[in-house]
């Protein structure tokens, strides 16, 4: 059972990593005129362990946009096309200095020795692809102010002040992708300070 759990976890992490590691250059999707994204009254923050063991937070990337992919093992491939398109958009428009992307593994319920084995397996996959994956062992992003659902693929976009400005759970179809890129373009035009 433990070997099966680790094998599934490895596949999940690989699915998170591959789209970002193998993306190729193409044009971003067309979007319609921007509308004002929803706002949280206060900046959000989390502190999560990454696969290297370092703790990461939204606070440390203030001044940049942050895109969070929050997925459990069953939903890592739900938005692979969007991950590749987003990676190309960031790369083709030289937006790395302005946008941070976090892949967060929902590892709720993984405990004890299995947790250590899961961390080791995810670390190996992250190292293979040259990325970091954040590890949410305690459902932190499922609680307020994030309210990302479990057992899903959820994408959140945070503005330069750390406020959640876009959230969608489930597969991003054409309309959802258009809305996401509309919000990203609007947020890129906003000044770094409120």
Protein backbone atom coordinates (compact mmCIF):
# COMPACT_ATOMS: atom_id res chain seq x y z
CA UNK A 1 0.00 0.00 0.00
CA UNK A 2 2.83 2.40 0.88
CA UNK A 3 4.58 1.71 -2.44
CA UNK A 4 1.31 2.31 -4.29
CA UNK A 5 0.73 5.59 -2.43
CA UNK A 6 4.26 6.79 -3.26
CA UNK A 7 3.91 5.77 -6.89
CA UNK A 8 0.68 7.75 -7.20
CA UNK A 9 2.27 10.69 -5.42
CA UNK A 10 5.24 10.58 -7.81
CA UNK A 11 2.92 10.67 -10.80
CA UNK A 12 1.06 13.61 -9.31
CA UNK A 13 4.22 15.61 -8.75
CA UNK A 14 5.50 14.77 -12.22
CA UNK A 15 2.25 16.02 -13.69
CA UNK A 16 2.71 19.28 -11.81
CA UNK A 17 6.28 19.65 -13.01
CA UNK A 18 6.22 18.54 -16.64
CA UNK A 19 4.06 21.34 -18.10
CA UNK A 20 6.38 24.00 -16.70
CA UNK A 21 9.56 22.18 -17.68
CA UNK A 22 8.59 21.37 -21.25
CA UNK A 23 6.61 24.41 -22.45
CA UNK A 24 7.38 25.85 -25.88
CA UNK A 25 6.88 29.39 -27.17
CA UNK A 26 3.50 30.44 -28.63
CA UNK A 27 1.22 33.46 -28.44
CA UNK A 28 -1.05 33.90 -25.41
CA UNK A 29 -4.80 33.56 -25.85
CA UNK A 30 -6.80 36.58 -26.97
CA UNK A 31 -8.86 38.26 -24.28
CA UNK A 32 -11.70 40.76 -24.22
CA UNK A 33 -11.62 44.16 -22.50
CA UNK A 34 -10.59 43.90 -18.83
CA UNK A 35 -13.00 44.14 -15.94
CA UNK A 36 -12.21 44.77 -12.29
CA UNK A 37 -11.26 41.56 -10.49
CA UNK A 38 -12.70 40.86 -7.03
CA UNK A 39 -10.63 42.04 -4.08
CA UNK A 40 -9.95 40.81 -0.57
CA UNK A 41 -9.81 43.56 2.00
CA UNK A 42 -6.50 42.36 3.44
CA UNK A 43 -3.44 40.74 1.91
CA UNK A 44 -3.39 36.97 2.24
CA UNK A 45 -0.37 34.97 3.32
CA UNK A 46 0.74 31.39 3.84
CA UNK A 47 3.92 29.74 5.02
CA UNK A 48 4.52 26.39 3.35
CA UNK A 49 7.52 24.12 3.09
CA UNK A 50 8.98 23.70 -0.37
CA UNK A 51 10.64 20.53 -1.56
CA UNK A 52 14.09 21.89 -0.65
CA UNK A 53 12.97 22.29 2.97
CA UNK A 54 12.85 26.11 2.84
CA UNK A 55 9.66 27.81 4.02
CA UNK A 56 7.97 30.04 1.41
CA UNK A 57 5.26 32.65 1.80
CA UNK A 58 3.27 35.10 -0.26
CA UNK A 59 4.68 37.90 1.90
CA UNK A 60 8.18 37.37 0.46
CA UNK A 61 6.99 38.02 -3.10
CA UNK A 62 5.08 41.25 -2.38
CA UNK A 63 5.57 43.61 -5.30
CA UNK A 64 5.12 40.72 -7.76
CA UNK A 65 2.02 38.91 -8.95
CA UNK A 66 1.70 35.39 -7.54
CA UNK A 67 -0.11 32.55 -9.28
CA UNK A 68 -0.90 29.52 -7.13
CA UNK A 69 -1.85 26.12 -8.53
CA UNK A 70 -3.38 24.10 -5.66
CA UNK A 71 -3.99 20.48 -6.59
CA UNK A 72 -4.45 17.10 -5.03
CA UNK A 73 -3.02 14.01 -6.67
CA UNK A 74 -6.18 13.16 -8.61
CA UNK A 75 -6.37 16.57 -10.33
CA UNK A 76 -2.82 17.49 -11.33
CA UNK A 77 -3.46 17.02 -15.03
CA UNK A 78 -6.80 18.89 -15.12
CA UNK A 79 -5.19 22.13 -16.27
CA UNK A 80 -2.02 20.97 -18.03
CA UNK A 81 -2.87 22.95 -21.18
CA UNK A 82 -3.34 26.10 -19.11
CA UNK A 83 -0.05 25.51 -17.28
CA UNK A 84 1.81 25.27 -20.59
CA UNK A 85 0.05 28.34 -22.02
CA UNK A 86 0.74 30.34 -18.87
CA UNK A 87 4.39 29.29 -18.84
CA UNK A 88 4.77 30.41 -22.47
CA UNK A 89 2.98 33.70 -21.75
CA UNK A 90 5.35 34.48 -18.86
CA UNK A 91 8.43 33.38 -20.80
CA UNK A 92 7.54 35.06 -24.13
CA UNK A 93 6.72 38.38 -22.44
CA UNK A 94 9.76 38.36 -20.12
CA UNK A 95 7.51 38.45 -17.07
CA UNK A 96 9.63 36.33 -14.68
CA UNK A 97 10.66 39.44 -12.71
CA UNK A 98 6.98 40.37 -12.28
CA UNK A 99 5.25 37.01 -11.71
CA UNK A 100 5.94 34.18 -9.27
CA UNK A 101 4.24 30.84 -9.84
CA UNK A 102 3.76 28.34 -7.02
CA UNK A 103 2.70 24.74 -7.47
CA UNK A 104 1.21 23.58 -4.17
CA UNK A 105 0.55 19.91 -3.47
CA UNK A 106 -2.50 19.28 -1.29
CA UNK A 107 -1.12 16.54 0.97
CA UNK A 108 -3.85 16.65 3.58
CA UNK A 109 -4.01 13.41 5.51
CA UNK A 110 -0.48 12.22 4.68
CA UNK A 111 1.16 11.67 8.06
CA UNK A 112 4.00 9.97 9.92
CA UNK A 113 6.52 7.89 8.00
CA UNK A 114 4.45 8.22 4.83
CA UNK A 115 4.92 11.99 5.07
CA UNK A 116 8.71 11.61 5.09
CA UNK A 117 8.57 9.23 2.14
CA UNK A 118 6.22 11.55 0.25
CA UNK A 119 8.52 14.52 0.87
CA UNK A 120 11.50 12.53 -0.43
CA UNK A 121 9.62 11.38 -3.55
CA UNK A 122 8.34 14.89 -4.34
CA UNK A 123 11.81 16.34 -3.74
CA UNK A 124 13.33 13.93 -6.28
CA UNK A 125 10.76 14.86 -8.92
CA UNK A 126 11.12 18.59 -8.26
CA UNK A 127 14.90 18.28 -8.54
CA UNK A 128 14.60 16.36 -11.80
CA UNK A 129 12.60 19.22 -13.35
CA UNK A 130 14.46 22.06 -11.65
CA UNK A 131 11.40 23.44 -9.84
CA UNK A 132 10.09 23.66 -6.31
CA UNK A 133 6.72 22.35 -5.19
CA UNK A 134 5.18 23.69 -1.99
CA UNK A 135 3.75 21.12 0.40
CA UNK A 136 0.43 21.76 2.16
CA UNK A 137 0.20 19.06 4.84
CA UNK A 138 -2.40 20.83 6.99
CA UNK A 139 -5.02 22.14 4.54
CA UNK A 140 -3.84 25.74 5.04
CA UNK A 141 -5.05 26.86 1.63
CA UNK A 142 -8.43 25.25 2.24
CA UNK A 143 -9.10 27.72 5.08
CA UNK A 144 -9.90 31.44 5.00
CA UNK A 145 -8.93 33.69 3.37
CA UNK A 146 -8.06 31.30 0.53
CA UNK A 147 -10.94 28.80 0.75
CA UNK A 148 -9.45 26.60 -1.97
CA UNK A 149 -11.49 23.38 -2.07
CA UNK A 150 -9.95 19.97 -1.52
CA UNK A 151 -10.07 17.26 -4.17
CA UNK A 152 -9.76 19.73 -7.03
CA UNK A 153 -7.46 21.84 -9.17
CA UNK A 154 -7.69 25.45 -8.04
CA UNK A 155 -5.85 28.46 -9.43
CA UNK A 156 -5.51 31.69 -7.48
CA UNK A 157 -3.95 34.95 -8.66
CA UNK A 158 -2.70 37.43 -6.06
CA UNK A 159 -1.91 41.07 -6.82
CA UNK A 160 1.31 42.85 -5.84
CA UNK A 161 -0.12 43.60 -2.40
CA UNK A 162 -1.01 39.95 -1.80
CA UNK A 163 -4.77 40.23 -2.29
CA UNK A 164 -6.61 37.39 -3.99
CA UNK A 165 -7.93 38.80 -7.27
CA UNK A 166 -8.86 35.63 -9.16
CA UNK A 167 -9.85 32.13 -8.09
CA UNK A 168 -11.26 29.27 -10.10
CA UNK A 169 -11.62 25.60 -9.23
CA UNK A 170 -11.91 22.89 -11.84
CA UNK A 171 -10.88 22.67 -15.45
CA UNK A 172 -10.20 25.99 -17.16
CA UNK A 173 -12.09 25.99 -20.43
CA UNK A 174 -11.77 28.73 -23.05
CA UNK A 175 -13.93 31.22 -21.12
CA UNK A 176 -12.05 30.67 -17.86
CA UNK A 177 -8.67 30.96 -19.58
CA UNK A 178 -9.78 34.20 -21.21
CA UNK A 179 -10.90 35.55 -17.82
CA UNK A 180 -7.61 34.51 -16.19
CA UNK A 181 -5.48 36.24 -18.83
CA UNK A 182 -7.72 39.32 -18.72
CA UNK A 183 -7.09 39.57 -14.96
CA UNK A 184 -3.35 38.99 -15.40
CA UNK A 185 -3.06 41.73 -18.00
CA UNK A 186 -5.01 44.15 -15.82
CA UNK A 187 -2.88 43.38 -12.77
CA UNK A 188 0.33 43.81 -14.77
CA UNK A 189 -0.82 47.35 -15.67
CA UNK A 190 -1.58 48.28 -12.05
CA UNK A 191 1.14 50.12 -10.10
CA UNK A 192 3.23 48.21 -7.59
CA UNK A 193 1.88 50.29 -4.69
CA UNK A 194 -1.82 50.78 -3.87
